[in-house]
Amino acid sequence: GGLVQAGGSLRLSCAASGSISSIHAMAWYRQAPG
């Protein structure tokens, strides 16, 4: 994440660690203030 101008791009990453065997799905959610 970070600050970017409109029209720009970012690549978000999410690394999962721990005891995970069978992953059904991975997802991205977002929440803006209010």
All heavy atoms as atom14 arrays in JSON, in Angstrom:
{
  "sequence": "GGLVQAGGSLRLSCAASGSISSIHAMAWYRQAPG",
  "atom14_mask": [
    [1, 1, 1, 1, 0, 0, 0, 0, 0, 0, 0, 0, 0, 0],
    [1, 1, 1, 1, 0, 0, 0, 0, 0, 0, 0, 0, 0, 0],
    [1, 1, 1, 1, 1, 1, 1, 1, 0, 0, 0, 0, 0, 0],
    [1, 1, 1, 1, 1, 1, 1, 0, 0, 0, 0, 0, 0, 0],
    [1, 1, 1, 1, 1, 1, 1, 1, 1, 0, 0, 0, 0, 0],
    [1, 1, 1, 1, 1, 0, 0, 0, 0, 0, 0, 0, 0, 0],
    [1, 1, 1, 1, 0, 0, 0, 0, 0, 0, 0, 0, 0, 0],
    [1, 1, 1, 1, 0, 0, 0, 0, 0, 0, 0, 0, 0, 0],
    [1, 1, 1, 1, 1, 1, 0, 0, 0, 0, 0, 0, 0, 0],
    [1, 1, 1, 1, 1, 1, 1, 1, 0, 0, 0, 0, 0, 0],
    [1, 1, 1, 1, 1, 1, 1, 1, 1, 1, 1, 0, 0, 0],
    [1, 1, 1, 1, 1, 1, 1, 1, 0, 0, 0, 0, 0, 0],
    [1, 1, 1, 1, 1, 1, 0, 0, 0, 0, 0, 0, 0, 0],
    [1, 1, 1, 1, 1, 1, 0, 0, 0, 0, 0, 0, 0, 0],
    [1, 1, 1, 1, 1, 0, 0, 0, 0, 0, 0, 0, 0, 0],
    [1, 1, 1, 1, 1, 0, 0, 0, 0, 0, 0, 0, 0, 0],
    [1, 1, 1, 1, 1, 1, 0, 0, 0, 0, 0, 0, 0, 0],
    [1, 1, 1, 1, 0, 0, 0, 0, 0, 0, 0, 0, 0, 0],
    [1, 1, 1, 1, 1, 1, 0, 0, 0, 0, 0, 0, 0, 0],
    [1, 1, 1, 1, 1, 1, 1, 1, 0, 0, 0, 0, 0, 0],
    [1, 1, 1, 1, 1, 1, 0, 0, 0, 0, 0, 0, 0, 0],
    [1, 1, 1, 1, 1, 1, 0, 0, 0, 0, 0, 0, 0, 0],
    [1, 1, 1, 1, 1, 1, 1, 1, 0, 0, 0, 0, 0, 0],
    [1, 1, 1, 1, 1, 1, 1, 1, 1, 1, 0, 0, 0, 0],
    [1, 1, 1, 1, 1, 0, 0, 0, 0, 0, 0, 0, 0, 0],
    [1, 1, 1, 1, 1, 1, 1, 1, 0, 0, 0, 0, 0, 0],
    [1, 1, 1, 1, 1, 0, 0, 0, 0, 0, 0, 0, 0, 0],
    [1, 1, 1, 1, 1, 1, 1, 1, 1, 1, 1, 1, 1, 1],
    [1, 1, 1, 1, 1, 1, 1, 1, 1, 1, 1, 1, 0, 0],
    [1, 1, 1, 1, 1, 1, 1, 1, 1, 1, 1, 0, 0, 0],
    [1, 1, 1, 1, 1, 1, 1, 1, 1, 0, 0, 0, 0, 0],
    [1, 1, 1, 1, 1, 0, 0, 0, 0, 0, 0, 0, 0, 0],
    [1, 1, 1, 1, 1, 1, 1, 0, 0, 0, 0, 0, 0, 0],
    [1, 1, 1, 1, 0, 0, 0, 0, 0, 0, 0, 0, 0, 0]
  ],
  "atom14_positions": [
    [[0.82, -1.2, 0.0], [0.0, 0.0, 0.0], [0.86, 1.25, 0.0], [2.07, 1.2, 0.21], [0.0, 0.0, 0.0], [0.0, 0.0, 0.0], [0.0, 0.0, 0.0], [0.0, 0.0, 0.0], [0.0, 0.0, 0.0], [0.0, 0.0, 0.0], [0.0, 0.0, 0.0], [0.0, 0.0, 0.0], [0.0, 0.0, 0.0], [0.0, 0.0, 0.0]],
    [[0.21, 2.36, -0.24], [0.93, 3.61, -0.26], [0.11, 4.71, -0.88], [-1.1, 4.58, -1.08], [0.0, 0.0, 0.0], [0.0, 0.0, 0.0], [0.0, 0.0, 0.0], [0.0, 0.0, 0.0], [0.0, 0.0, 0.0], [0.0, 0.0, 0.0], [0.0, 0.0, 0.0], [0.0, 0.0, 0.0], [0.0, 0.0, 0.0], [0.0, 0.0, 0.0]],
    [[0.79, 5.8, -1.18], [0.16, 6.96, -1.79], [0.46, 6.96, -3.28], [1.62, 6.84, -3.7], [0.69, 8.24, -1.15], [0.22, 9.56, -1.74], [-1.28, 9.71, -1.55], [0.96, 10.72, -1.08], [0.0, 0.0, 0.0], [0.0, 0.0, 0.0], [0.0, 0.0, 0.0], [0.0, 0.0, 0.0], [0.0, 0.0, 0.0], [0.0, 0.0, 0.0]],
    [[-0.58, 7.11, -4.07], [-0.43, 7.11, -5.51], [-1.41, 8.11, -6.12], [-2.48, 8.36, -5.57], [-0.66, 5.69, -6.08], [-2.09, 5.23, -5.84], [-0.31, 5.61, -7.55], [0.0, 0.0, 0.0], [0.0, 0.0, 0.0], [0.0, 0.0, 0.0], [0.0, 0.0, 0.0], [0.0, 0.0, 0.0], [0.0, 0.0, 0.0], [0.0, 0.0, 0.0]],
    [[-1.02, 8.68, -7.23], [-1.9, 9.6, -7.93], [-2.96, 8.84, -8.72], [-2.77, 7.68, -9.1], [-1.1, 10.48, -8.89], [-0.21, 11.5, -8.21], [0.47, 12.41, -9.2], [0.83, 12.02, -10.3], [0.65, 13.66, -8.8], [0.0, 0.0, 0.0], [0.0, 0.0, 0.0], [0.0, 0.0, 0.0], [0.0, 0.0, 0.0], [0.0, 0.0, 0.0]],
    [[-4.07, 9.5, -8.95], [-5.12, 8.91, -9.76], [-4.55, 8.48, -11.1], [-3.78, 9.21, -11.72], [-6.26, 9.89, -9.95], [0.0, 0.0, 0.0], [0.0, 0.0, 0.0], [0.0, 0.0, 0.0], [0.0, 0.0, 0.0], [0.0, 0.0, 0.0], [0.0, 0.0, 0.0], [0.0, 0.0, 0.0], [0.0, 0.0, 0.0], [0.0, 0.0, 0.0]],
    [[-4.95, 7.3, -11.53], [-4.45, 6.74, -12.76], [-3.23, 5.86, -12.58], [-2.84, 5.15, -13.51], [0.0, 0.0, 0.0], [0.0, 0.0, 0.0], [0.0, 0.0, 0.0], [0.0, 0.0, 0.0], [0.0, 0.0, 0.0], [0.0, 0.0, 0.0], [0.0, 0.0, 0.0], [0.0, 0.0, 0.0], [0.0, 0.0, 0.0], [0.0, 0.0, 0.0]],
    [[-2.67, 5.88, -11.39], [-1.5, 5.08, -11.11], [-1.85, 3.65, -10.73], [-3.01, 3.24, -10.76], [0.0, 0.0, 0.0], [0.0, 0.0, 0.0], [0.0, 0.0, 0.0], [0.0, 0.0, 0.0], [0.0, 0.0, 0.0], [0.0, 0.0, 0.0], [0.0, 0.0, 0.0], [0.0, 0.0, 0.0], [0.0, 0.0, 0.0], [0.0, 0.0, 0.0]],
    [[-0.82, 2.92, -10.35], [-0.98, 1.5, -10.03], [-0.2, 1.13, -8.79], [0.81, 1.75, -8.45], [-0.48, 0.63, -11.2], [-1.19, 0.89, -12.39], [0.0, 0.0, 0.0], [0.0, 0.0, 0.0], [0.0, 0.0, 0.0], [0.0, 0.0, 0.0], [0.0, 0.0, 0.0], [0.0, 0.0, 0.0], [0.0, 0.0, 0.0], [0.0, 0.0, 0.0]],
    [[-0.67, 0.12, -8.12], [0.01, -0.49, -7.0], [-0.2, -1.99, -7.06], [-1.23, -2.44, -7.55], [-0.51, 0.03, -5.66], [-0.19, 1.46, -5.24], [-0.98, 1.81, -3.99], [1.3, 1.62, -4.99], [0.0, 0.0, 0.0], [0.0, 0.0, 0.0], [0.0, 0.0, 0.0], [0.0, 0.0, 0.0], [0.0, 0.0, 0.0], [0.0, 0.0, 0.0]],
    [[0.75, -2.73, -6.56], [0.57, -4.15, -6.39], [0.61, -4.49, -4.92], [1.63, -4.28, -4.26], [1.63, -4.97, -7.14], [1.27, -6.46, -7.19], [2.29, -7.32, -7.89], [3.45, -7.6, -7.04], [4.22, -8.67, -7.16], [3.96, -9.57, -8.11], [5.26, -8.83, -6.36], [0.0, 0.0, 0.0], [0.0, 0.0, 0.0], [0.0, 0.0, 0.0]],
    [[-0.49, -4.99, -4.43], [-0.59, -5.39, -3.05], [-0.24, -6.87, -2.91], [-0.57, -7.67, -3.78], [-2.0, -5.15, -2.51], [-2.58, -3.75, -2.72], [-3.95, -3.66, -2.06], [-1.65, -2.68, -2.19], [0.0, 0.0, 0.0], [0.0, 0.0, 0.0], [0.0, 0.0, 0.0], [0.0, 0.0, 0.0], [0.0, 0.0, 0.0], [0.0, 0.0, 0.0]],
    [[0.4, -7.19, -1.82], [0.76, -8.57, -1.55], [0.25, -8.98, -0.19], [0.16, -8.16, 0.73], [2.28, -8.75, -1.59], [2.82, -8.43, -2.85], [0.0, 0.0, 0.0], [0.0, 0.0, 0.0], [0.0, 0.0, 0.0], [0.0, 0.0, 0.0], [0.0, 0.0, 0.0], [0.0, 0.0, 0.0], [0.0, 0.0, 0.0], [0.0, 0.0, 0.0]],
    [[-0.07, -10.24, -0.07], [-0.49, -10.8, 1.2], [0.17, -12.15, 1.35], [-0.12, -13.08, 0.59], [-2.02, -10.93, 1.26], [-2.62, -11.83, 2.71], [0.0, 0.0, 0.0], [0.0, 0.0, 0.0], [0.0, 0.0, 0.0], [0.0, 0.0, 0.0], [0.0, 0.0, 0.0], [0.0, 0.0, 0.0], [0.0, 0.0, 0.0], [0.0, 0.0, 0.0]],
    [[1.02, -12.26, 2.33], [1.72, -13.5, 2.59], [1.1, -14.2, 3.79], [0.99, -13.6, 4.87], [3.2, -13.24, 2.84], [0.0, 0.0, 0.0], [0.0, 0.0, 0.0], [0.0, 0.0, 0.0], [0.0, 0.0, 0.0], [0.0, 0.0, 0.0], [0.0, 0.0, 0.0], [0.0, 0.0, 0.0], [0.0, 0.0, 0.0], [0.0, 0.0, 0.0]],
    [[0.71, -15.42, 3.58], [0.13, -16.22, 4.65], [1.18, -17.14, 5.23], [1.93, -17.79, 4.5], [-1.06, -17.03, 4.13], [0.0, 0.0, 0.0], [0.0, 0.0, 0.0], [0.0, 0.0, 0.0], [0.0, 0.0, 0.0], [0.0, 0.0, 0.0], [0.0, 0.0, 0.0], [0.0, 0.0, 0.0], [0.0, 0.0, 0.0], [0.0, 0.0, 0.0]],
    [[1.23, -17.2, 6.53], [2.16, -18.09, 7.19], [1.45, -18.83, 8.31], [0.38, -18.42, 8.77], [3.36, -17.31, 7.75], [2.94, -16.37, 8.73], [0.0, 0.0, 0.0], [0.0, 0.0, 0.0], [0.0, 0.0, 0.0], [0.0, 0.0, 0.0], [0.0, 0.0, 0.0], [0.0, 0.0, 0.0], [0.0, 0.0, 0.0], [0.0, 0.0, 0.0]],
    [[2.06, -19.91, 8.73], [1.46, -20.73, 9.75], [1.01, -22.06, 9.19], [1.36, -22.44, 8.08], [0.0, 0.0, 0.0], [0.0, 0.0, 0.0], [0.0, 0.0, 0.0], [0.0, 0.0, 0.0], [0.0, 0.0, 0.0], [0.0, 0.0, 0.0], [0.0, 0.0, 0.0], [0.0, 0.0, 0.0], [0.0, 0.0, 0.0], [0.0, 0.0, 0.0]],
    [[0.22, -22.73, 9.96], [-0.24, -24.05, 9.58], [-1.5, -23.96, 8.73], [-2.62, -23.96, 9.24], [-0.51, -24.9, 10.84], [-0.92, -26.21, 10.49], [0.0, 0.0, 0.0], [0.0, 0.0, 0.0], [0.0, 0.0, 0.0], [0.0, 0.0, 0.0], [0.0, 0.0, 0.0], [0.0, 0.0, 0.0], [0.0, 0.0, 0.0], [0.0, 0.0, 0.0]],
    [[-1.28, -23.86, 7.43], [-2.37, -23.8, 6.46], [-2.18, -24.94, 5.47], [-1.14, -25.06, 4.84], [-2.42, -22.47, 5.72], [-2.61, -21.32, 6.7], [-3.54, -22.48, 4.7], [-2.6, -19.96, 6.04], [0.0, 0.0, 0.0], [0.0, 0.0, 0.0], [0.0, 0.0, 0.0], [0.0, 0.0, 0.0], [0.0, 0.0, 0.0], [0.0, 0.0, 0.0]],
    [[-3.19, -25.75, 5.34], [-3.11, -26.89, 4.44], [-3.92, -26.68, 3.17], [-3.36, -26.49, 2.09], [-3.59, -28.16, 5.15], [-2.74, -28.48, 6.24], [0.0, 0.0, 0.0], [0.0, 0.0, 0.0], [0.0, 0.0, 0.0], [0.0, 0.0, 0.0], [0.0, 0.0, 0.0], [0.0, 0.0, 0.0], [0.0, 0.0, 0.0], [0.0, 0.0, 0.0]],
    [[-5.22, -26.68, 3.3], [-6.1, -26.59, 2.14], [-6.73, -25.21, 2.07], [-7.62, -24.88, 2.86], [-7.17, -27.67, 2.21], [-8.04, -27.59, 1.1], [0.0, 0.0, 0.0], [0.0, 0.0, 0.0], [0.0, 0.0, 0.0], [0.0, 0.0, 0.0], [0.0, 0.0, 0.0], [0.0, 0.0, 0.0], [0.0, 0.0, 0.0], [0.0, 0.0, 0.0]],
    [[-6.27, -24.4, 1.12], [-6.82, -23.07, 0.93], [-7.97, -23.14, -0.05], [-7.79, -23.54, -1.2], [-5.74, -22.1, 0.44], [-4.66, -21.91, 1.49], [-6.38, -20.75, 0.09], [-3.54, -21.0, 1.07], [0.0, 0.0, 0.0], [0.0, 0.0, 0.0], [0.0, 0.0, 0.0], [0.0, 0.0, 0.0], [0.0, 0.0, 0.0], [0.0, 0.0, 0.0]],
    [[-9.13, -22.74, 0.41], [-10.3, -22.72, -0.45], [-10.31, -21.47, -1.31], [-10.6, -21.53, -2.51], [-11.57, -22.8, 0.39], [-12.82, -22.64, -0.4], [-13.21, -23.55, -1.36], [-13.76, -21.67, -0.41], [-14.35, -23.16, -1.91], [-14.7, -22.02, -1.34], [0.0, 0.0, 0.0], [0.0, 0.0, 0.0], [0.0, 0.0, 0.0], [0.0, 0.0, 0.0]],
    [[-10.01, -20.34, -0.69], [-10.04, -19.08, -1.42], [-9.16, -18.06, -0.73], [-8.96, -18.11, 0.48], [-11.47, -18.55, -1.53], [0.0, 0.0, 0.0], [0.0, 0.0, 0.0], [0.0, 0.0, 0.0], [0.0, 0.0, 0.0], [0.0, 0.0, 0.0], [0.0, 0.0, 0.0], [0.0, 0.0, 0.0], [0.0, 0.0, 0.0], [0.0, 0.0, 0.0]],
    [[-8.65, -17.14, -1.51], [-7.94, -15.99, -1.0], [-8.61, -14.76, -1.6], [-9.04, -14.78, -2.75], [-6.46, -16.03, -1.37], [-5.77, -17.33, -0.96], [-3.99, -17.37, -1.3], [-3.37, -16.44, 0.12], [0.0, 0.0, 0.0], [0.0, 0.0, 0.0], [0.0, 0.0, 0.0], [0.0, 0.0, 0.0], [0.0, 0.0, 0.0], [0.0, 0.0, 0.0]],
    [[-8.71, -13.73, -0.81], [-9.5, -12.58, -1.24], [-8.92, -11.28, -0.73], [-8.12, -11.25, 0.22], [-10.95, -12.72, -0.76], [0.0, 0.0, 0.0], [0.0, 0.0, 0.0], [0.0, 0.0, 0.0], [0.0, 0.0, 0.0], [0.0, 0.0, 0.0], [0.0, 0.0, 0.0], [0.0, 0.0, 0.0], [0.0, 0.0, 0.0], [0.0, 0.0, 0.0]],
    [[-9.33, -10.22, -1.38], [-9.03, -8.87, -0.95], [-10.34, -8.14, -0.67], [-11.26, -8.17, -1.49], [-8.24, -8.1, -2.0], [-6.82, -8.53, -2.12], [-6.3, -9.42, -3.01], [-5.73, -8.07, -1.31], [-4.95, -9.55, -2.81], [-4.57, -8.74, -1.77], [-5.61, -7.17, -0.25], [-3.31, -8.53, -1.2], [-4.36, -6.97, 0.31], [-3.23, -7.64, -0.16]],
    [[-10.39, -7.52, 0.47], [-11.47, -6.64, 0.85], [-10.91, -5.25, 1.06], [-9.7, -5.06, 1.19], [-12.15, -7.11, 2.15], [-12.98, -8.37, 2.02], [-12.39, -9.61, 1.92], [-14.37, -8.29, 2.02], [-13.15, -10.77, 1.81], [-15.14, -9.44, 1.91], [-14.52, -10.67, 1.81], [-15.29, -11.81, 1.72], [0.0, 0.0, 0.0], [0.0, 0.0, 0.0]],
    [[-11.79, -4.27, 1.11], [-11.35, -2.93, 1.43], [-12.42, -2.22, 2.24], [-13.6, -2.54, 2.15], [-11.01, -2.13, 0.17], [-12.21, -1.79, -0.71], [-11.74, -1.11, -1.99], [-12.87, -0.73, -2.84], [-12.74, -0.24, -4.06], [-11.53, -0.07, -4.59], [-13.82, 0.08, -4.77], [0.0, 0.0, 0.0], [0.0, 0.0, 0.0], [0.0, 0.0, 0.0]],
    [[-11.97, -1.25, 3.0], [-12.88, -0.47, 3.81], [-12.39, 0.97, 3.86], [-11.28, 1.24, 4.3], [-13.0, -1.02, 5.22], [-14.05, -0.33, 6.07], [-14.34, -1.07, 7.36], [-13.47, -1.76, 7.89], [-15.55, -0.93, 7.86], [0.0, 0.0, 0.0], [0.0, 0.0, 0.0], [0.0, 0.0, 0.0], [0.0, 0.0, 0.0], [0.0, 0.0, 0.0]],
    [[-13.23, 1.86, 3.39], [-12.96, 3.28, 3.45], [-13.61, 3.86, 4.7], [-14.58, 3.29, 5.22], [-13.49, 3.97, 2.2], [0.0, 0.0, 0.0], [0.0, 0.0, 0.0], [0.0, 0.0, 0.0], [0.0, 0.0, 0.0], [0.0, 0.0, 0.0], [0.0, 0.0, 0.0], [0.0, 0.0, 0.0], [0.0, 0.0, 0.0], [0.0, 0.0, 0.0]],
    [[-13.1, 4.98, 5.19], [-13.7, 5.59, 6.38], [-15.19, 5.85, 6.21], [-15.62, 6.41, 5.2], [-12.93, 6.9, 6.53], [-11.61, 6.62, 5.89], [-11.93, 5.74, 4.73], [0.0, 0.0, 0.0], [0.0, 0.0, 0.0], [0.0, 0.0, 0.0], [0.0, 0.0, 0.0], [0.0, 0.0, 0.0], [0.0, 0.0, 0.0], [0.0, 0.0, 0.0]],
    [[-15.96, 5.42, 7.19], [-17.39, 5.63, 7.15], [-18.15, 4.69, 6.24], [-19.37, 4.85, 6.08], [0.0, 0.0, 0.0], [0.0, 0.0, 0.0], [0.0, 0.0, 0.0], [0.0, 0.0, 0.0], [0.0, 0.0, 0.0], [0.0, 0.0, 0.0], [0.0, 0.0, 0.0], [0.0, 0.0, 0.0], [0.0, 0.0, 0.0], [0.0, 0.0, 0.0]]
  ]
}
